[in-house]
């Protein structure tokens, strides 16, 4: 993991990226992906992105 990202033209400014791991034993639990504001554009592949 790096602490400084390369400058990418068209990228969102001042993004804080978080990687979290968790483990659940119940089978009914599904992860809910939450993206605020313009960060939704980062994951167009997720239908559940809010």
N, C-alpha and C. Protein backbone atom coordinates (compact mmCIF):
# COMPACT_ATOMS: atom_id res chain seq x y z
N UNK A 1 0.84 -1.17 0.00
CA UNK A 1 0.00 0.00 0.00
C UNK A 1 0.89 1.24 0.00
N UNK A 2 0.45 2.24 -0.72
CA UNK A 2 1.22 3.48 -0.75
C UNK A 2 0.43 4.59 -0.08
N UNK A 3 1.11 5.58 0.41
CA UNK A 3 0.46 6.69 1.09
C UNK A 3 0.23 7.87 0.15
N UNK A 4 0.93 7.89 -0.96
CA UNK A 4 0.79 8.98 -1.92
C UNK A 4 0.45 8.39 -3.28
N UNK A 5 -0.62 8.86 -3.89
CA UNK A 5 -1.01 8.35 -5.20
C UNK A 5 -0.45 9.24 -6.29
N UNK A 6 -0.28 8.67 -7.46
CA UNK A 6 0.21 9.45 -8.59
C UNK A 6 -0.87 10.42 -9.04
N UNK A 7 -0.46 11.50 -9.66
CA UNK A 7 -1.39 12.50 -10.18
C UNK A 7 -2.01 11.97 -11.47
N UNK A 8 -3.32 11.80 -11.48
CA UNK A 8 -4.03 11.28 -12.64
C UNK A 8 -4.97 12.36 -13.15
N UNK A 9 -4.84 12.76 -14.42
CA UNK A 9 -5.74 13.77 -14.98
C UNK A 9 -7.20 13.30 -14.89
N UNK A 10 -8.07 14.17 -14.38
CA UNK A 10 -9.49 13.85 -14.27
C UNK A 10 -9.87 13.11 -13.00
N UNK A 11 -8.90 12.78 -12.15
CA UNK A 11 -9.20 12.07 -10.91
C UNK A 11 -9.85 13.03 -9.91
N UNK A 12 -10.59 12.47 -8.96
CA UNK A 12 -11.21 13.29 -7.93
C UNK A 12 -10.13 13.81 -6.98
N UNK A 13 -10.18 15.09 -6.63
CA UNK A 13 -9.17 15.65 -5.73
C UNK A 13 -9.44 15.28 -4.27
N UNK A 14 -8.39 15.18 -3.50
CA UNK A 14 -8.46 15.00 -2.04
C UNK A 14 -9.30 13.80 -1.62
N UNK A 15 -9.07 12.66 -2.24
CA UNK A 15 -9.79 11.44 -1.91
C UNK A 15 -9.04 10.70 -0.81
N UNK A 16 -9.77 10.25 0.19
CA UNK A 16 -9.21 9.40 1.22
C UNK A 16 -9.75 7.99 0.95
N UNK A 17 -8.84 7.07 0.71
CA UNK A 17 -9.24 5.69 0.41
C UNK A 17 -9.04 4.84 1.66
N UNK A 18 -10.03 4.02 1.95
CA UNK A 18 -9.98 3.16 3.14
C UNK A 18 -10.19 1.72 2.69
N UNK A 19 -9.34 0.84 3.17
CA UNK A 19 -9.49 -0.59 2.91
C UNK A 19 -9.77 -1.26 4.25
N UNK A 20 -10.94 -1.85 4.38
CA UNK A 20 -11.32 -2.51 5.63
C UNK A 20 -11.66 -3.97 5.36
N UNK A 21 -11.18 -4.84 6.20
CA UNK A 21 -11.50 -6.26 6.11
C UNK A 21 -12.37 -6.63 7.30
N UNK A 22 -13.36 -7.47 7.05
CA UNK A 22 -14.16 -7.97 8.15
C UNK A 22 -14.62 -9.38 7.81
N UNK A 23 -14.97 -10.14 8.83
CA UNK A 23 -15.42 -11.51 8.63
C UNK A 23 -16.70 -11.72 9.41
N UNK A 24 -17.69 -12.24 8.74
CA UNK A 24 -18.97 -12.53 9.38
C UNK A 24 -19.26 -14.02 9.25
N UNK A 25 -19.89 -14.59 10.24
CA UNK A 25 -20.22 -16.01 10.18
C UNK A 25 -21.64 -16.26 9.70
N UNK A 26 -22.53 -15.28 9.81
CA UNK A 26 -23.90 -15.48 9.34
C UNK A 26 -23.97 -15.31 7.82
N UNK A 27 -24.70 -16.20 7.17
CA UNK A 27 -24.73 -16.21 5.71
C UNK A 27 -25.63 -15.13 5.12
N UNK A 28 -26.52 -14.55 5.92
CA UNK A 28 -27.46 -13.55 5.42
C UNK A 28 -26.86 -12.16 5.31
N UNK A 29 -25.67 -11.97 5.84
CA UNK A 29 -25.06 -10.64 5.85
C UNK A 29 -24.33 -10.37 4.54
N UNK A 30 -24.61 -9.22 3.94
CA UNK A 30 -23.90 -8.81 2.72
C UNK A 30 -23.33 -7.42 2.95
N UNK A 31 -22.18 -7.17 2.37
CA UNK A 31 -21.56 -5.85 2.49
C UNK A 31 -22.40 -4.81 1.76
N UNK A 32 -22.48 -3.62 2.32
CA UNK A 32 -23.17 -2.52 1.67
C UNK A 32 -22.13 -1.45 1.37
N UNK A 33 -21.95 -1.16 0.10
CA UNK A 33 -20.95 -0.19 -0.32
C UNK A 33 -21.58 1.20 -0.32
N UNK A 34 -20.95 2.13 0.39
CA UNK A 34 -21.47 3.49 0.49
C UNK A 34 -20.42 4.45 -0.05
N UNK A 35 -20.81 5.21 -1.03
CA UNK A 35 -19.93 6.22 -1.62
C UNK A 35 -20.64 7.56 -1.53
N UNK A 36 -19.96 8.57 -1.01
CA UNK A 36 -20.57 9.87 -0.80
C UNK A 36 -20.21 10.83 -1.92
N UNK A 37 -21.16 11.70 -2.25
CA UNK A 37 -20.90 12.75 -3.24
C UNK A 37 -20.43 12.21 -4.57
N UNK A 38 -19.40 12.85 -5.11
CA UNK A 38 -18.88 12.47 -6.43
C UNK A 38 -18.09 11.17 -6.41
N UNK A 39 -17.84 10.62 -5.23
CA UNK A 39 -17.10 9.36 -5.14
C UNK A 39 -17.86 8.20 -5.77
N UNK A 40 -19.17 8.36 -5.98
CA UNK A 40 -19.95 7.32 -6.65
C UNK A 40 -19.37 6.99 -8.02
N UNK A 41 -18.77 7.96 -8.67
CA UNK A 41 -18.21 7.76 -10.01
C UNK A 41 -17.02 6.80 -9.99
N UNK A 42 -16.45 6.54 -8.82
CA UNK A 42 -15.31 5.64 -8.73
C UNK A 42 -15.70 4.18 -8.93
N UNK A 43 -16.94 3.82 -8.61
CA UNK A 43 -17.36 2.42 -8.69
C UNK A 43 -18.70 2.31 -9.41
N UNK A 44 -18.69 2.53 -10.68
CA UNK A 44 -19.92 2.42 -11.48
C UNK A 44 -20.39 0.97 -11.59
N UNK A 45 -19.52 0.02 -11.25
CA UNK A 45 -19.88 -1.40 -11.34
C UNK A 45 -20.75 -1.86 -10.18
N UNK A 46 -20.89 -1.07 -9.13
CA UNK A 46 -21.69 -1.46 -7.98
C UNK A 46 -23.08 -0.85 -8.08
N UNK A 47 -24.09 -1.69 -8.21
CA UNK A 47 -25.47 -1.19 -8.27
C UNK A 47 -25.91 -0.64 -6.93
N UNK A 48 -25.35 -1.16 -5.83
CA UNK A 48 -25.78 -0.74 -4.51
C UNK A 48 -25.06 0.51 -4.00
N UNK A 49 -24.18 1.09 -4.80
CA UNK A 49 -23.46 2.29 -4.37
C UNK A 49 -24.46 3.42 -4.17
N UNK A 50 -24.38 4.06 -3.02
CA UNK A 50 -25.35 5.11 -2.70
C UNK A 50 -24.79 6.47 -3.00
